[in-house]
Amino acid sequence: MVSKVEAQKRCTEVLNPSSCLLAECRHECSQKYPSGVGQCIESGGTPLQPTYECLCVYNCPL
């Protein structure tokens, strides 16, 4: 028998669009959303000088 599992929907919010320090990003995200995980993602710039933003991924409110 296979039980049906409903996956929790994930939401995202950009916390800092202009720069990202991973430790600060993770801390800010977990402070704002207990289920949140902060990560630095590339947001533009040039191939030699990319820019990064802090993206917070968390469980959406039900």
Protein backbone atom coordinates (compact mmCIF):
# COMPACT_ATOMS: atom_id res chain seq x y z
CA MET A 1 0.00 0.00 0.00
CA VAL A 2 1.33 3.43 -0.94
CA SER A 3 0.26 6.37 1.17
CA LYS A 4 -0.33 9.75 -0.41
CA VAL A 5 1.94 12.48 0.94
CA GLU A 6 1.21 16.13 0.34
CA ALA A 7 4.37 18.14 -0.04
CA GLN A 8 4.58 21.45 1.78
CA LYS A 9 4.63 24.29 -0.71
CA ARG A 10 7.81 26.36 -0.66
CA CYS A 11 7.90 30.13 -0.91
CA THR A 12 10.85 32.41 -1.61
CA GLU A 13 11.74 35.96 -0.72
CA VAL A 14 14.79 37.99 -1.74
CA LEU A 15 16.15 39.47 1.49
CA ASN A 16 19.09 41.37 0.03
CA PRO A 17 19.06 41.95 -3.74
CA SER A 18 22.48 43.63 -3.95
CA SER A 19 24.88 41.38 -2.02
CA CYS A 20 25.11 38.13 -0.09
CA LEU A 21 27.23 36.83 2.77
CA LEU A 22 26.11 33.25 3.33
CA ALA A 23 26.28 33.23 7.15
CA GLU A 24 24.33 36.50 7.40
CA CYS A 25 21.83 35.39 4.77
CA ARG A 26 21.11 32.11 6.60
CA HIS A 27 20.79 33.90 9.95
CA GLU A 28 18.44 36.61 8.64
CA CYS A 29 16.27 34.04 6.85
CA SER A 30 15.93 31.74 9.87
CA GLN A 31 15.09 34.74 12.08
CA LYS A 32 12.31 35.84 9.72
CA TYR A 33 10.98 32.34 8.92
CA PRO A 34 11.63 29.46 11.38
CA SER A 35 11.49 26.96 8.48
CA GLY A 36 13.63 29.18 6.25
CA VAL A 37 16.95 28.41 4.63
CA GLY A 38 18.98 31.30 3.23
CA GLN A 39 21.15 30.84 0.18
CA CYS A 40 23.23 33.04 -2.09
CA ILE A 41 22.21 32.88 -5.74
CA GLU A 42 23.74 34.58 -8.76
CA SER A 43 21.66 37.58 -9.77
CA GLY A 44 23.59 39.16 -12.61
CA GLY A 45 26.82 41.02 -13.08
CA THR A 46 29.35 39.75 -15.59
CA PRO A 47 30.92 36.29 -16.01
CA LEU A 48 34.11 37.62 -14.40
CA GLN A 49 32.33 39.61 -11.69
CA PRO A 50 28.96 38.02 -10.89
CA THR A 51 26.65 39.57 -8.32
CA TYR A 52 24.71 37.58 -5.75
CA GLU A 53 21.51 38.07 -3.77
CA CYS A 54 20.25 36.51 -0.53
CA LEU A 55 17.28 34.25 -1.29
CA CYS A 56 15.22 32.86 1.60
CA VAL A 57 13.29 29.62 0.91
CA TYR A 58 10.64 28.69 3.49
CA ASN A 59 7.42 26.74 3.97
CA CYS A 60 4.45 28.77 2.71
CA PRO A 61 1.74 29.56 5.26
CA LEU A 62 -1.10 27.07 5.06
